[in-house]
């Protein structure tokens, strides 16, 4: 190995302490004085990195920063929902009426009255006359069901609109029958049920006979 020796400093110093002179001996003159010679070789390869040190202590919070500039205006919000309109009383119409006693026979056609209403929203059905009167121009649904008498009288019932027969049902003794219709009514129009001449219905507290109707939509 070739070693380049760089002579940086040479000083001839004499020490009175022989032990110190011995530890520093590189070259000794005949007079007993030590000539100190510092010799440096070429630097070696870097050593591997040492292990990381322990984390330092958390510093103190810094001072509060200055208030930033005002941001840009946001986008407009969505339009609010329109207010819900108040319910139209005329748009809520429905009824169901029943009988609790038999009706007929009669020697002529008779309109069937009713004795009990389970539902009569709007009060447009009259139990005494058995007629529904429309307060609005609208489309309505009507249905009916009856039980014939077992005493020998058959059943024949007609649904009427302002005196015009719309539909009818017939059944022999001791049997039930019914029908339904969808009608466009004007303001003041009436709908009712007629029992045919010499026909009869049978009823008791079980309420076999019923007549119902309700508004589908205004027109």
N, C-alpha and C. Protein backbone atom coordinates (compact mmCIF):
# COMPACT_ATOMS: atom_id res chain seq x y z
N UNK A 1 0.87 -1.19 0.00
CA UNK A 1 0.00 0.00 0.00
C UNK A 1 0.89 1.22 0.00
N UNK A 2 0.53 2.14 -0.89
CA UNK A 2 1.31 3.37 -0.96
C UNK A 2 0.66 4.42 -0.11
N UNK A 3 1.39 4.98 0.75
CA UNK A 3 0.86 5.99 1.67
C UNK A 3 1.52 7.31 1.36
N UNK A 4 0.68 8.24 1.08
CA UNK A 4 1.17 9.59 0.83
C UNK A 4 1.26 10.31 2.14
N UNK A 5 2.44 10.74 2.46
CA UNK A 5 2.65 11.41 3.75
C UNK A 5 2.78 12.89 3.51
N UNK A 6 1.88 13.58 4.17
CA UNK A 6 1.87 15.02 4.04
C UNK A 6 2.46 15.61 5.31
N UNK A 7 3.51 16.32 5.10
CA UNK A 7 4.19 16.96 6.23
C UNK A 7 3.56 18.31 6.44
N UNK A 8 2.71 18.41 7.47
CA UNK A 8 1.98 19.63 7.73
C UNK A 8 2.73 20.55 8.68
N UNK A 9 3.32 19.90 9.66
CA UNK A 9 3.92 20.77 10.68
C UNK A 9 5.08 20.03 11.33
N UNK A 10 6.14 20.72 11.40
CA UNK A 10 7.28 20.14 12.12
C UNK A 10 7.75 21.17 13.14
N UNK A 11 7.83 20.73 14.30
CA UNK A 11 8.31 21.66 15.35
C UNK A 11 9.28 20.91 16.23
N UNK A 12 10.31 21.56 16.53
CA UNK A 12 11.32 20.95 17.40
C UNK A 12 11.15 21.53 18.77
N UNK A 13 10.67 20.69 19.65
CA UNK A 13 10.36 21.16 21.00
C UNK A 13 11.04 20.23 21.99
N UNK A 14 11.58 20.77 22.99
CA UNK A 14 12.23 19.96 24.01
C UNK A 14 11.38 19.98 25.24
N UNK A 15 11.10 18.77 25.77
CA UNK A 15 10.33 18.64 27.02
C UNK A 15 11.25 18.16 28.12
N UNK A 16 11.07 18.64 29.24
CA UNK A 16 11.87 18.19 30.37
C UNK A 16 11.34 16.88 30.91
N UNK A 17 10.04 16.58 30.62
CA UNK A 17 9.39 15.39 31.17
C UNK A 17 9.70 14.23 30.24
N UNK A 18 10.50 13.27 30.64
CA UNK A 18 10.86 12.14 29.75
C UNK A 18 9.67 11.31 29.35
N UNK A 19 8.64 11.15 30.29
CA UNK A 19 7.47 10.32 29.96
C UNK A 19 6.68 10.92 28.82
N UNK A 20 6.49 12.22 28.85
CA UNK A 20 5.76 12.91 27.79
C UNK A 20 6.52 12.80 26.50
N UNK A 21 7.91 12.89 26.62
CA UNK A 21 8.70 12.76 25.41
C UNK A 21 8.55 11.37 24.83
N UNK A 22 8.40 10.38 25.65
CA UNK A 22 8.30 9.02 25.15
C UNK A 22 7.01 8.81 24.39
N UNK A 23 5.93 9.43 24.88
CA UNK A 23 4.63 9.24 24.21
C UNK A 23 4.55 10.00 22.93
N UNK A 24 5.37 10.99 22.74
CA UNK A 24 5.31 11.81 21.55
C UNK A 24 6.41 11.45 20.56
N UNK A 25 7.20 10.45 20.87
CA UNK A 25 8.39 10.19 20.05
C UNK A 25 8.02 9.76 18.67
N UNK A 26 8.51 10.54 17.71
CA UNK A 26 8.50 10.14 16.30
C UNK A 26 9.94 10.18 15.78
N UNK A 27 10.64 11.19 16.25
CA UNK A 27 12.04 11.33 15.87
C UNK A 27 12.73 12.11 16.97
N UNK A 28 13.86 11.65 17.49
CA UNK A 28 14.56 12.32 18.59
C UNK A 28 15.97 12.73 18.13
N UNK A 29 16.21 14.02 18.38
CA UNK A 29 17.53 14.54 17.97
C UNK A 29 18.58 14.10 18.96
N UNK A 30 19.80 14.19 18.57
CA UNK A 30 20.89 13.81 19.49
C UNK A 30 20.92 14.64 20.73
N UNK A 31 20.36 15.84 20.69
CA UNK A 31 20.42 16.71 21.87
C UNK A 31 19.35 16.34 22.88
N UNK A 32 18.53 15.33 22.62
CA UNK A 32 17.49 14.94 23.57
C UNK A 32 16.19 15.67 23.38
N UNK A 33 16.02 16.47 22.33
CA UNK A 33 14.79 17.22 22.08
C UNK A 33 13.94 16.45 21.08
N UNK A 34 12.64 16.49 21.31
CA UNK A 34 11.69 15.78 20.45
C UNK A 34 11.28 16.68 19.31
N UNK A 35 11.46 16.14 18.13
CA UNK A 35 10.91 16.84 16.94
C UNK A 35 9.53 16.24 16.62
N UNK A 36 8.47 17.00 16.90
CA UNK A 36 7.08 16.51 16.67
C UNK A 36 6.74 16.64 15.20
N UNK A 37 6.35 15.52 14.61
CA UNK A 37 5.98 15.52 13.19
C UNK A 37 4.54 14.99 13.08
N UNK A 38 3.64 15.77 12.60
CA UNK A 38 2.23 15.34 12.41
C UNK A 38 2.10 14.79 11.02
N UNK A 39 1.70 13.56 10.94
CA UNK A 39 1.59 12.88 9.64
C UNK A 39 0.11 12.55 9.38
N UNK A 40 -0.43 12.90 8.25
CA UNK A 40 -1.83 12.62 7.89
C UNK A 40 -1.84 11.74 6.65
N UNK A 41 -2.68 10.72 6.69
CA UNK A 41 -2.87 9.85 5.53
C UNK A 41 -4.14 10.25 4.80
N UNK A 42 -4.41 9.61 3.67
CA UNK A 42 -5.65 9.89 2.92
C UNK A 42 -6.87 9.46 3.73
N UNK A 43 -8.01 10.19 3.67
CA UNK A 43 -9.23 9.84 4.46
C UNK A 43 -9.75 8.48 4.07
N UNK A 44 -10.24 7.74 5.05
CA UNK A 44 -10.86 6.43 4.78
C UNK A 44 -12.28 6.55 4.24
N UNK A 45 -12.88 5.42 3.96
CA UNK A 45 -14.29 5.40 3.47
C UNK A 45 -15.23 5.81 4.59
N UNK A 46 -16.36 6.50 4.22
CA UNK A 46 -17.33 6.92 5.27
C UNK A 46 -17.92 5.71 5.97
N UNK A 47 -18.10 5.82 7.24
CA UNK A 47 -18.74 4.75 8.00
C UNK A 47 -20.25 4.73 7.77
N UNK A 48 -20.93 3.67 8.18
CA UNK A 48 -22.39 3.59 8.02
C UNK A 48 -23.08 4.63 8.91
N UNK A 49 -24.31 5.04 8.51
CA UNK A 49 -25.04 6.01 9.34
C UNK A 49 -25.32 5.44 10.72
N UNK A 50 -25.27 6.29 11.69
CA UNK A 50 -25.59 5.87 13.04
C UNK A 50 -27.11 5.75 13.23
N UNK A 51 -27.55 5.13 14.29
CA UNK A 51 -29.00 5.00 14.56
C UNK A 51 -29.62 6.38 14.81
N UNK A 52 -30.92 6.53 14.44
CA UNK A 52 -31.56 7.84 14.67
C UNK A 52 -31.65 8.16 16.15
N UNK A 53 -31.54 9.40 16.41
CA UNK A 53 -31.63 9.82 17.80
C UNK A 53 -33.07 9.79 18.30
N UNK A 54 -33.25 9.93 19.59
CA UNK A 54 -34.60 9.94 20.19
C UNK A 54 -35.34 11.20 19.75
N UNK A 55 -36.69 11.12 19.57
CA UNK A 55 -37.45 12.31 19.18
C UNK A 55 -37.29 13.42 20.20
N UNK A 56 -37.23 14.61 19.68
CA UNK A 56 -37.13 15.76 20.58
C UNK A 56 -38.46 16.09 21.23
N UNK A 57 -38.46 16.92 22.20
CA UNK A 57 -39.68 17.34 22.87
C UNK A 57 -40.54 18.21 21.94
N UNK A 58 -41.86 18.11 22.13
CA UNK A 58 -42.79 18.89 21.33
C UNK A 58 -42.60 20.37 21.61
N UNK A 59 -42.50 21.13 20.52
CA UNK A 59 -42.33 22.56 20.69
C UNK A 59 -43.60 23.26 21.12
N UNK A 60 -43.49 24.45 21.56
CA UNK A 60 -44.64 25.25 21.97
C UNK A 60 -45.42 25.72 20.74
N UNK A 61 -46.73 25.87 20.88
CA UNK A 61 -47.52 26.36 19.74
C UNK A 61 -47.03 27.74 19.29
N UNK A 62 -47.07 27.93 18.00
CA UNK A 62 -46.69 29.22 17.48
C UNK A 62 -47.78 30.26 17.69
N UNK A 63 -47.47 31.49 17.43
CA UNK A 63 -48.47 32.55 17.61
C UNK A 63 -49.60 32.42 16.58
N UNK A 64 -50.75 32.94 16.92
CA UNK A 64 -51.91 32.91 16.01
C UNK A 64 -51.61 33.74 14.77
N UNK A 65 -51.93 33.15 13.60
CA UNK A 65 -51.67 33.86 12.36
C UNK A 65 -52.69 34.98 12.11
N UNK A 66 -52.39 35.77 11.12
CA UNK A 66 -53.27 36.87 10.78
C UNK A 66 -54.52 36.35 10.07
N UNK A 67 -55.62 37.09 10.19
CA UNK A 67 -56.87 36.72 9.54
C UNK A 67 -56.69 36.75 8.02
N UNK A 68 -57.10 35.64 7.37
CA UNK A 68 -56.96 35.57 5.92
C UNK A 68 -57.99 36.43 5.20
N UNK A 69 -57.81 36.59 3.90
CA UNK A 69 -58.77 37.40 3.13
C UNK A 69 -60.15 36.72 3.07
N UNK A 70 -61.19 37.49 2.86
CA UNK A 70 -62.56 36.97 2.76
C UNK A 70 -62.71 36.11 1.50
N UNK A 71 -63.40 34.98 1.65
CA UNK A 71 -63.60 34.09 0.52
C UNK A 71 -64.63 34.62 -0.46
N UNK A 72 -64.71 33.95 -1.61
CA UNK A 72 -65.67 34.33 -2.63
C UNK A 72 -67.09 33.97 -2.20
N UNK A 73 -68.10 34.68 -2.66
CA UNK A 73 -69.49 34.34 -2.31
C UNK A 73 -69.85 32.95 -2.82
N UNK A 74 -70.64 32.20 -2.04
CA UNK A 74 -71.08 30.88 -2.45
C UNK A 74 -72.21 30.95 -3.48
N UNK A 75 -72.52 29.79 -4.07
CA UNK A 75 -73.60 29.72 -5.05
C UNK A 75 -74.94 29.88 -4.35
N UNK A 76 -75.93 30.44 -5.03
CA UNK A 76 -77.26 30.59 -4.41
C UNK A 76 -77.84 29.23 -4.05
N UNK A 77 -78.56 29.15 -2.95
CA UNK A 77 -79.20 27.91 -2.54
C UNK A 77 -80.41 27.59 -3.40
N UNK A 78 -80.89 26.36 -3.25
CA UNK A 78 -82.06 25.92 -4.01
C UNK A 78 -83.30 26.68 -3.55
N UNK A 79 -84.22 26.87 -4.48
CA UNK A 79 -85.46 27.57 -4.15
C UNK A 79 -86.27 26.74 -3.17
N UNK A 80 -86.94 27.35 -2.23
CA UNK A 80 -87.74 26.59 -1.26
C UNK A 80 -88.93 25.92 -1.94
N UNK A 81 -89.40 24.84 -1.33
CA UNK A 81 -90.57 24.16 -1.87
C UNK A 81 -91.79 25.07 -1.78
N UNK A 82 -92.66 25.00 -2.77
CA UNK A 82 -93.87 25.83 -2.71
C UNK A 82 -94.73 25.41 -1.53
N UNK A 83 -95.45 26.32 -0.95
CA UNK A 83 -96.30 25.98 0.19
C UNK A 83 -97.38 24.99 -0.22
N UNK A 84 -97.70 24.10 0.70
CA UNK A 84 -98.75 23.11 0.43
C UNK A 84 -100.11 23.80 0.56
N UNK A 85 -100.92 23.75 -0.50
CA UNK A 85 -102.21 24.42 -0.41
C UNK A 85 -103.12 23.74 0.61
N UNK A 86 -103.98 24.52 1.16
CA UNK A 86 -104.94 23.97 2.12
C UNK A 86 -105.85 22.97 1.43
N UNK A 87 -106.22 21.94 2.16
CA UNK A 87 -107.08 20.90 1.58
C UNK A 87 -108.44 21.47 1.22
N UNK A 88 -108.91 21.12 0.04
CA UNK A 88 -110.23 21.54 -0.42
C UNK A 88 -111.26 20.61 0.16
N UNK A 89 -112.18 21.11 0.99
CA UNK A 89 -113.19 20.21 1.58
C UNK A 89 -113.98 19.45 0.53
N UNK A 90 -114.18 20.06 -0.65
CA UNK A 90 -114.96 19.39 -1.69
C UNK A 90 -114.22 18.20 -2.28
N UNK A 91 -112.90 18.13 -2.06
CA UNK A 91 -112.12 17.02 -2.61
C UNK A 91 -112.12 15.80 -1.69
N UNK A 92 -112.80 15.87 -0.56
CA UNK A 92 -112.87 14.76 0.39
C UNK A 92 -114.33 14.39 0.59
N UNK A 93 -114.78 13.42 -0.21
CA UNK A 93 -116.18 13.01 -0.18
C UNK A 93 -116.22 11.48 -0.20
N UNK A 94 -116.90 10.89 0.76
CA UNK A 94 -117.05 9.44 0.81
C UNK A 94 -118.18 9.10 1.77
N UNK A 95 -118.84 7.98 1.48
CA UNK A 95 -119.91 7.54 2.39
C UNK A 95 -120.09 6.02 2.28
N UNK A 96 -120.57 5.42 3.36
CA UNK A 96 -121.05 4.05 3.40
C UNK A 96 -122.26 4.02 4.32
N UNK A 97 -123.39 3.56 3.80
CA UNK A 97 -124.63 3.48 4.57
C UNK A 97 -125.13 2.04 4.55
N UNK A 98 -125.79 1.63 5.64
CA UNK A 98 -126.29 0.26 5.76
C UNK A 98 -127.71 0.28 6.32
N UNK A 99 -128.41 -0.88 6.13
CA UNK A 99 -129.72 -1.09 6.73
C UNK A 99 -129.61 -2.13 7.83
N UNK A 100 -130.49 -2.00 8.85
CA UNK A 100 -130.53 -2.96 9.95
C UNK A 100 -131.88 -3.67 10.03
N UNK A 101 -132.76 -3.41 9.03
CA UNK A 101 -134.06 -4.07 8.98
C UNK A 101 -134.45 -4.34 7.53
N UNK A 102 -135.30 -5.29 7.31
CA UNK A 102 -135.72 -5.66 5.96
C UNK A 102 -136.53 -4.54 5.33
N UNK A 103 -136.59 -4.56 4.00
CA UNK A 103 -137.31 -3.52 3.24
C UNK A 103 -138.08 -4.19 2.11
N UNK A 104 -139.41 -3.86 2.01
CA UNK A 104 -140.27 -4.45 0.99
C UNK A 104 -140.97 -5.71 1.52
N UNK A 105 -141.86 -6.27 0.67
CA UNK A 105 -142.19 -5.82 -0.70
C UNK A 105 -143.20 -4.66 -0.71
N UNK A 106 -143.21 -3.96 -1.85
CA UNK A 106 -144.16 -2.86 -2.07
C UNK A 106 -144.85 -3.07 -3.41
N UNK A 107 -146.02 -2.45 -3.56
CA UNK A 107 -146.77 -2.59 -4.80
C UNK A 107 -146.32 -1.59 -5.86
N UNK A 108 -145.19 -0.95 -5.64
CA UNK A 108 -144.58 -0.05 -6.61
C UNK A 108 -143.08 0.05 -6.35
N UNK A 109 -142.36 0.59 -7.29
CA UNK A 109 -140.92 0.78 -7.11
C UNK A 109 -140.67 1.81 -6.03
N UNK A 110 -139.70 1.53 -5.15
CA UNK A 110 -139.43 2.42 -4.02
C UNK A 110 -137.93 2.71 -3.93
N UNK A 111 -137.60 3.97 -3.58
CA UNK A 111 -136.21 4.31 -3.27
C UNK A 111 -135.87 3.76 -1.90
N UNK A 112 -134.68 3.15 -1.78
CA UNK A 112 -134.29 2.48 -0.54
C UNK A 112 -133.65 3.49 0.41
N UNK A 113 -134.27 3.71 1.58
CA UNK A 113 -133.61 4.55 2.60
C UNK A 113 -132.64 3.68 3.41
N UNK A 114 -131.79 4.35 4.20
CA UNK A 114 -130.81 3.64 5.02
C UNK A 114 -130.90 4.15 6.44
N UNK A 115 -130.43 3.33 7.38
CA UNK A 115 -130.62 3.63 8.80
C UNK A 115 -129.33 4.04 9.50
N UNK A 116 -128.16 3.59 8.99
CA UNK A 116 -126.89 3.87 9.66
C UNK A 116 -125.86 4.26 8.60
N UNK A 117 -125.05 5.27 8.93
CA UNK A 117 -123.90 5.60 8.08
C UNK A 117 -122.62 5.32 8.87
N UNK A 118 -121.78 4.48 8.29
CA UNK A 118 -120.47 4.23 8.91
C UNK A 118 -119.51 5.36 8.55
N UNK A 119 -119.68 5.88 7.35
CA UNK A 119 -118.85 6.99 6.87
C UNK A 119 -119.74 7.95 6.09
N UNK A 120 -119.56 9.25 6.34
CA UNK A 120 -120.31 10.25 5.57
C UNK A 120 -119.50 11.55 5.54
N UNK A 121 -118.31 11.45 4.94
CA UNK A 121 -117.42 12.61 4.89
C UNK A 121 -118.00 13.67 3.95
N UNK A 122 -118.21 14.85 4.48
CA UNK A 122 -118.83 15.91 3.72
C UNK A 122 -120.33 15.99 3.93
N UNK A 123 -120.93 14.94 4.51
CA UNK A 123 -122.38 14.89 4.81
C UNK A 123 -123.23 15.10 3.55
N UNK A 124 -122.82 14.46 2.47
CA UNK A 124 -123.57 14.62 1.21
C UNK A 124 -124.51 13.44 0.93
N UNK A 125 -124.54 12.47 1.86
CA UNK A 125 -125.50 11.38 1.73
C UNK A 125 -126.60 11.54 2.77
N UNK A 126 -127.87 11.43 2.33
CA UNK A 126 -129.03 11.57 3.20
C UNK A 126 -129.61 10.18 3.46
N UNK A 127 -129.58 9.74 4.71
CA UNK A 127 -130.06 8.39 5.02
C UNK A 127 -131.57 8.28 4.85
N UNK A 128 -132.32 9.34 5.16
CA UNK A 128 -133.78 9.27 5.07
C UNK A 128 -134.25 9.12 3.62
N UNK A 129 -133.67 9.91 2.72
CA UNK A 129 -134.07 9.82 1.32
C UNK A 129 -133.29 8.75 0.57
N UNK A 130 -132.13 8.32 1.14
CA UNK A 130 -131.29 7.33 0.47
C UNK A 130 -130.54 7.89 -0.72
N UNK A 131 -130.39 9.21 -0.80
CA UNK A 131 -129.79 9.84 -1.97
C UNK A 131 -128.47 10.54 -1.64
N UNK A 132 -127.55 10.42 -2.58
CA UNK A 132 -126.29 11.16 -2.52
C UNK A 132 -126.39 12.33 -3.48
N UNK A 133 -126.01 13.54 -2.99
CA UNK A 133 -126.04 14.74 -3.81
C UNK A 133 -124.62 15.26 -3.98
N UNK A 134 -124.17 15.42 -5.22
CA UNK A 134 -122.78 15.84 -5.47
C UNK A 134 -122.63 17.35 -5.28
N UNK A 135 -121.60 17.78 -4.51
CA UNK A 135 -121.36 19.22 -4.34
C UNK A 135 -120.42 19.79 -5.40
N UNK A 136 -119.81 18.92 -6.22
CA UNK A 136 -118.83 19.35 -7.22
C UNK A 136 -119.01 18.54 -8.49
N UNK A 137 -118.44 19.07 -9.57
CA UNK A 137 -118.38 18.28 -10.81
C UNK A 137 -117.17 17.37 -10.68
N UNK A 138 -117.44 16.07 -10.66
CA UNK A 138 -116.35 15.13 -10.40
C UNK A 138 -116.77 13.73 -10.83
N UNK A 139 -115.79 12.84 -10.81
CA UNK A 139 -116.02 11.42 -11.11
C UNK A 139 -116.08 10.67 -9.79
N UNK A 140 -117.14 9.86 -9.62
CA UNK A 140 -117.36 9.11 -8.38
C UNK A 140 -117.46 7.62 -8.67
N UNK A 141 -117.12 6.84 -7.64
CA UNK A 141 -117.32 5.39 -7.70
C UNK A 141 -118.41 5.02 -6.70
N UNK A 142 -119.38 4.17 -7.15
CA UNK A 142 -120.48 3.72 -6.30
C UNK A 142 -120.55 2.20 -6.33
N UNK A 143 -120.93 1.61 -5.19
CA UNK A 143 -121.14 0.16 -5.12
C UNK A 143 -122.27 -0.13 -4.14
N UNK A 144 -122.91 -1.29 -4.31
CA UNK A 144 -124.01 -1.67 -3.43
C UNK A 144 -124.07 -3.19 -3.33
N UNK A 145 -124.66 -3.68 -2.22
CA UNK A 145 -124.80 -5.12 -2.02
C UNK A 145 -126.01 -5.36 -1.12
N UNK A 146 -126.82 -6.39 -1.48
CA UNK A 146 -128.04 -6.68 -0.74
C UNK A 146 -128.25 -8.19 -0.65
N UNK A 147 -129.05 -8.58 0.35
CA UNK A 147 -129.46 -9.97 0.54
C UNK A 147 -130.97 -10.05 0.32
N UNK A 148 -131.39 -11.00 -0.52
CA UNK A 148 -132.83 -11.13 -0.81
C UNK A 148 -133.54 -11.80 0.37
N UNK A 149 -134.84 -11.59 0.42
CA UNK A 149 -135.65 -12.18 1.48
C UNK A 149 -135.82 -13.67 1.23
N UNK A 150 -135.95 -14.40 2.31
CA UNK A 150 -136.17 -15.85 2.20
C UNK A 150 -137.66 -16.21 2.26
N UNK A 151 -138.53 -15.21 2.25
CA UNK A 151 -139.98 -15.45 2.39
C UNK A 151 -140.68 -15.60 1.04
N UNK A 152 -139.91 -15.74 -0.03
CA UNK A 152 -140.54 -15.94 -1.34
C UNK A 152 -140.41 -14.75 -2.26
N UNK A 153 -139.89 -13.65 -1.79
CA UNK A 153 -139.73 -12.46 -2.63
C UNK A 153 -138.30 -12.38 -3.15
N UNK A 154 -138.16 -12.27 -4.44
CA UNK A 154 -136.83 -12.14 -5.05
C UNK A 154 -136.29 -10.73 -4.85
N UNK A 155 -135.10 -10.51 -5.38
CA UNK A 155 -134.41 -9.23 -5.21
C UNK A 155 -134.17 -8.60 -6.58
N UNK A 156 -134.55 -7.33 -6.71
CA UNK A 156 -134.25 -6.57 -7.94
C UNK A 156 -134.00 -5.12 -7.55
N UNK A 157 -132.75 -4.66 -7.77
CA UNK A 157 -132.35 -3.31 -7.35
C UNK A 157 -131.69 -2.60 -8.53
N UNK A 158 -131.99 -1.30 -8.65
CA UNK A 158 -131.45 -0.48 -9.73
C UNK A 158 -130.71 0.72 -9.17
N UNK A 159 -129.52 1.00 -9.74
CA UNK A 159 -128.76 2.20 -9.41
C UNK A 159 -129.18 3.30 -10.38
N UNK A 160 -129.57 4.47 -9.82
CA UNK A 160 -130.11 5.56 -10.63
C UNK A 160 -129.25 6.82 -10.51
N UNK A 161 -129.13 7.53 -11.63
CA UNK A 161 -128.45 8.82 -11.67
C UNK A 161 -129.42 9.84 -12.27
N UNK A 162 -129.94 10.72 -11.42
CA UNK A 162 -130.92 11.73 -11.84
C UNK A 162 -132.12 11.09 -12.56
N UNK A 163 -132.55 9.92 -12.12
CA UNK A 163 -133.69 9.24 -12.73
C UNK A 163 -133.31 8.32 -13.87
N UNK A 164 -132.07 8.31 -14.30
CA UNK A 164 -131.61 7.42 -15.37
C UNK A 164 -131.06 6.15 -14.74
N UNK A 165 -131.58 5.01 -15.19
CA UNK A 165 -131.10 3.74 -14.67
C UNK A 165 -129.70 3.46 -15.22
N UNK A 166 -128.75 3.20 -14.32
CA UNK A 166 -127.36 2.99 -14.71
C UNK A 166 -127.03 1.51 -14.77
N UNK A 167 -127.38 0.77 -13.73
CA UNK A 167 -127.14 -0.67 -13.69
C UNK A 167 -128.12 -1.28 -12.69
N UNK A 168 -128.32 -2.57 -12.78
CA UNK A 168 -129.26 -3.25 -11.88
C UNK A 168 -128.75 -4.64 -11.55
N UNK A 169 -129.34 -5.25 -10.50
CA UNK A 169 -128.97 -6.61 -10.10
C UNK A 169 -130.22 -7.37 -9.70
N UNK A 170 -130.20 -8.66 -9.99
CA UNK A 170 -131.36 -9.52 -9.67
C UNK A 170 -130.84 -10.79 -9.02
N UNK A 171 -131.62 -11.28 -8.02
CA UNK A 171 -131.25 -12.55 -7.38
C UNK A 171 -132.52 -13.17 -6.81
N UNK A 172 -132.49 -14.51 -6.73
CA UNK A 172 -133.63 -15.25 -6.18
C UNK A 172 -133.59 -15.20 -4.66
N UNK A 173 -134.58 -15.81 -4.02
CA UNK A 173 -134.71 -15.72 -2.57
C UNK A 173 -133.51 -16.31 -1.84
N UNK A 174 -133.18 -15.65 -0.72
CA UNK A 174 -132.12 -16.15 0.15
C UNK A 174 -130.71 -16.02 -0.40
N UNK A 175 -130.50 -15.18 -1.39
CA UNK A 175 -129.17 -15.03 -1.99
C UNK A 175 -128.81 -13.54 -2.04
N UNK A 176 -127.50 -13.25 -2.10
CA UNK A 176 -127.04 -11.85 -2.12
C UNK A 176 -126.64 -11.46 -3.53
N UNK A 177 -126.70 -10.16 -3.80
CA UNK A 177 -126.33 -9.64 -5.12
C UNK A 177 -125.90 -8.19 -4.95
N UNK A 178 -125.13 -7.70 -5.90
CA UNK A 178 -124.65 -6.32 -5.82
C UNK A 178 -124.22 -5.81 -7.18
N UNK A 179 -123.71 -4.60 -7.21
CA UNK A 179 -123.24 -3.99 -8.44
C UNK A 179 -122.41 -2.76 -8.14
N UNK A 180 -121.85 -2.14 -9.18
CA UNK A 180 -121.03 -0.94 -9.00
C UNK A 180 -121.01 -0.15 -10.30
N UNK A 181 -120.58 1.11 -10.20
CA UNK A 181 -120.49 1.97 -11.38
C UNK A 181 -119.59 3.16 -11.08
N UNK A 182 -118.98 3.71 -12.14
CA UNK A 182 -118.21 4.95 -12.07
C UNK A 182 -118.99 5.99 -12.86
N UNK A 183 -119.32 7.11 -12.20
CA UNK A 183 -120.19 8.11 -12.82
C UNK A 183 -119.56 9.50 -12.75
N UNK A 184 -119.74 10.25 -13.83
CA UNK A 184 -119.38 11.68 -13.85
C UNK A 184 -120.61 12.47 -13.42
N UNK A 185 -120.49 13.15 -12.30
CA UNK A 185 -121.61 13.93 -11.76
C UNK A 185 -121.32 15.42 -11.84
N UNK A 186 -122.37 16.18 -12.09
CA UNK A 186 -122.28 17.63 -12.05
C UNK A 186 -122.75 18.10 -10.67
N UNK A 187 -122.58 19.38 -10.40
CA UNK A 187 -123.01 19.93 -9.11
C UNK A 187 -124.53 19.76 -9.00
N UNK A 188 -124.96 19.17 -7.88
CA UNK A 188 -126.39 18.97 -7.64
C UNK A 188 -126.94 17.67 -8.16
N UNK A 189 -126.16 16.89 -8.91
CA UNK A 189 -126.64 15.59 -9.39
C UNK A 189 -126.89 14.65 -8.21
N UNK A 190 -127.86 13.73 -8.39
CA UNK A 190 -128.20 12.79 -7.33
C UNK A 190 -128.05 11.35 -7.82
N UNK A 191 -127.70 10.49 -6.87
CA UNK A 191 -127.56 9.06 -7.14
C UNK A 191 -128.27 8.31 -6.01
N UNK A 192 -129.07 7.27 -6.36
CA UNK A 192 -129.79 6.51 -5.36
C UNK A 192 -130.09 5.11 -5.87
N UNK A 193 -130.68 4.26 -4.99
CA UNK A 193 -131.04 2.89 -5.32
C UNK A 193 -132.54 2.70 -5.21
N UNK A 194 -133.13 2.01 -6.19
CA UNK A 194 -134.55 1.68 -6.17
C UNK A 194 -134.75 0.18 -6.03
N UNK A 195 -135.73 -0.21 -5.20
CA UNK A 195 -136.15 -1.60 -5.09
C UNK A 195 -137.36 -1.82 -5.99
N UNK A 196 -137.31 -2.85 -6.84
CA UNK A 196 -138.39 -3.10 -7.78
C UNK A 196 -139.71 -3.48 -7.11
N UNK A 197 -140.77 -3.32 -7.84
CA UNK A 197 -142.12 -3.63 -7.36
C UNK A 197 -142.23 -5.12 -6.99
N UNK A 198 -142.77 -5.38 -5.78
CA UNK A 198 -142.99 -6.72 -5.23
C UNK A 198 -141.69 -7.48 -4.95
N UNK A 199 -140.61 -6.77 -4.85
CA UNK A 199 -139.33 -7.38 -4.44
C UNK A 199 -139.03 -6.94 -3.00
N UNK A 200 -138.09 -7.65 -2.34
CA UNK A 200 -137.80 -7.34 -0.94
C UNK A 200 -136.34 -7.65 -0.62
N UNK A 201 -135.83 -6.95 0.40
CA UNK A 201 -134.49 -7.22 0.94
C UNK A 201 -134.63 -7.82 2.33
N UNK A 202 -133.63 -8.50 2.78
CA UNK A 202 -133.63 -9.05 4.13
C UNK A 202 -132.46 -8.44 4.90
N UNK A 203 -132.78 -7.97 6.12
CA UNK A 203 -131.74 -7.37 6.96
C UNK A 203 -132.05 -7.56 8.43
N UNK A 204 -131.00 -7.51 9.23
CA UNK A 204 -131.07 -7.45 10.68
C UNK A 204 -129.83 -6.72 11.17
N UNK A 205 -129.43 -6.94 12.40
CA UNK A 205 -128.26 -6.23 12.93
C UNK A 205 -126.95 -6.65 12.27
N UNK A 206 -126.99 -7.67 11.42
CA UNK A 206 -125.79 -8.06 10.67
C UNK A 206 -125.52 -7.14 9.48
N UNK A 207 -126.51 -6.31 9.13
CA UNK A 207 -126.35 -5.26 8.10
C UNK A 207 -125.89 -5.84 6.76
N UNK A 208 -126.74 -6.64 6.15
CA UNK A 208 -126.42 -7.24 4.85
C UNK A 208 -126.49 -6.23 3.71
N UNK A 209 -127.32 -5.21 3.86
CA UNK A 209 -127.52 -4.23 2.79
C UNK A 209 -126.60 -3.03 2.98
N UNK A 210 -125.86 -2.64 1.92
CA UNK A 210 -124.94 -1.50 2.02
C UNK A 210 -124.91 -0.73 0.71
N UNK A 211 -124.62 0.55 0.83
CA UNK A 211 -124.49 1.46 -0.32
C UNK A 211 -123.31 2.36 -0.03
N UNK A 212 -122.32 2.41 -0.95
CA UNK A 212 -121.09 3.19 -0.73
C UNK A 212 -120.75 4.01 -1.96
N UNK A 213 -120.03 5.09 -1.75
CA UNK A 213 -119.56 5.93 -2.84
C UNK A 213 -118.44 6.84 -2.38
N UNK A 214 -117.55 7.19 -3.30
CA UNK A 214 -116.49 8.15 -2.95
C UNK A 214 -115.99 8.83 -4.22
N UNK A 215 -115.41 10.01 -4.04
CA UNK A 215 -114.89 10.82 -5.12
C UNK A 215 -113.56 10.25 -5.61
N UNK A 216 -113.43 10.11 -6.93
CA UNK A 216 -112.16 9.69 -7.52
C UNK A 216 -111.31 10.91 -7.87
N UNK A 217 -111.89 11.89 -8.59
CA UNK A 217 -111.17 13.12 -8.92
C UNK A 217 -112.17 14.14 -9.46
N UNK A 218 -111.84 15.40 -9.22
CA UNK A 218 -112.69 16.48 -9.74
C UNK A 218 -112.46 16.59 -11.25
N UNK A 219 -113.45 17.21 -11.91
CA UNK A 219 -113.41 17.22 -13.37
C UNK A 219 -113.70 18.61 -13.89
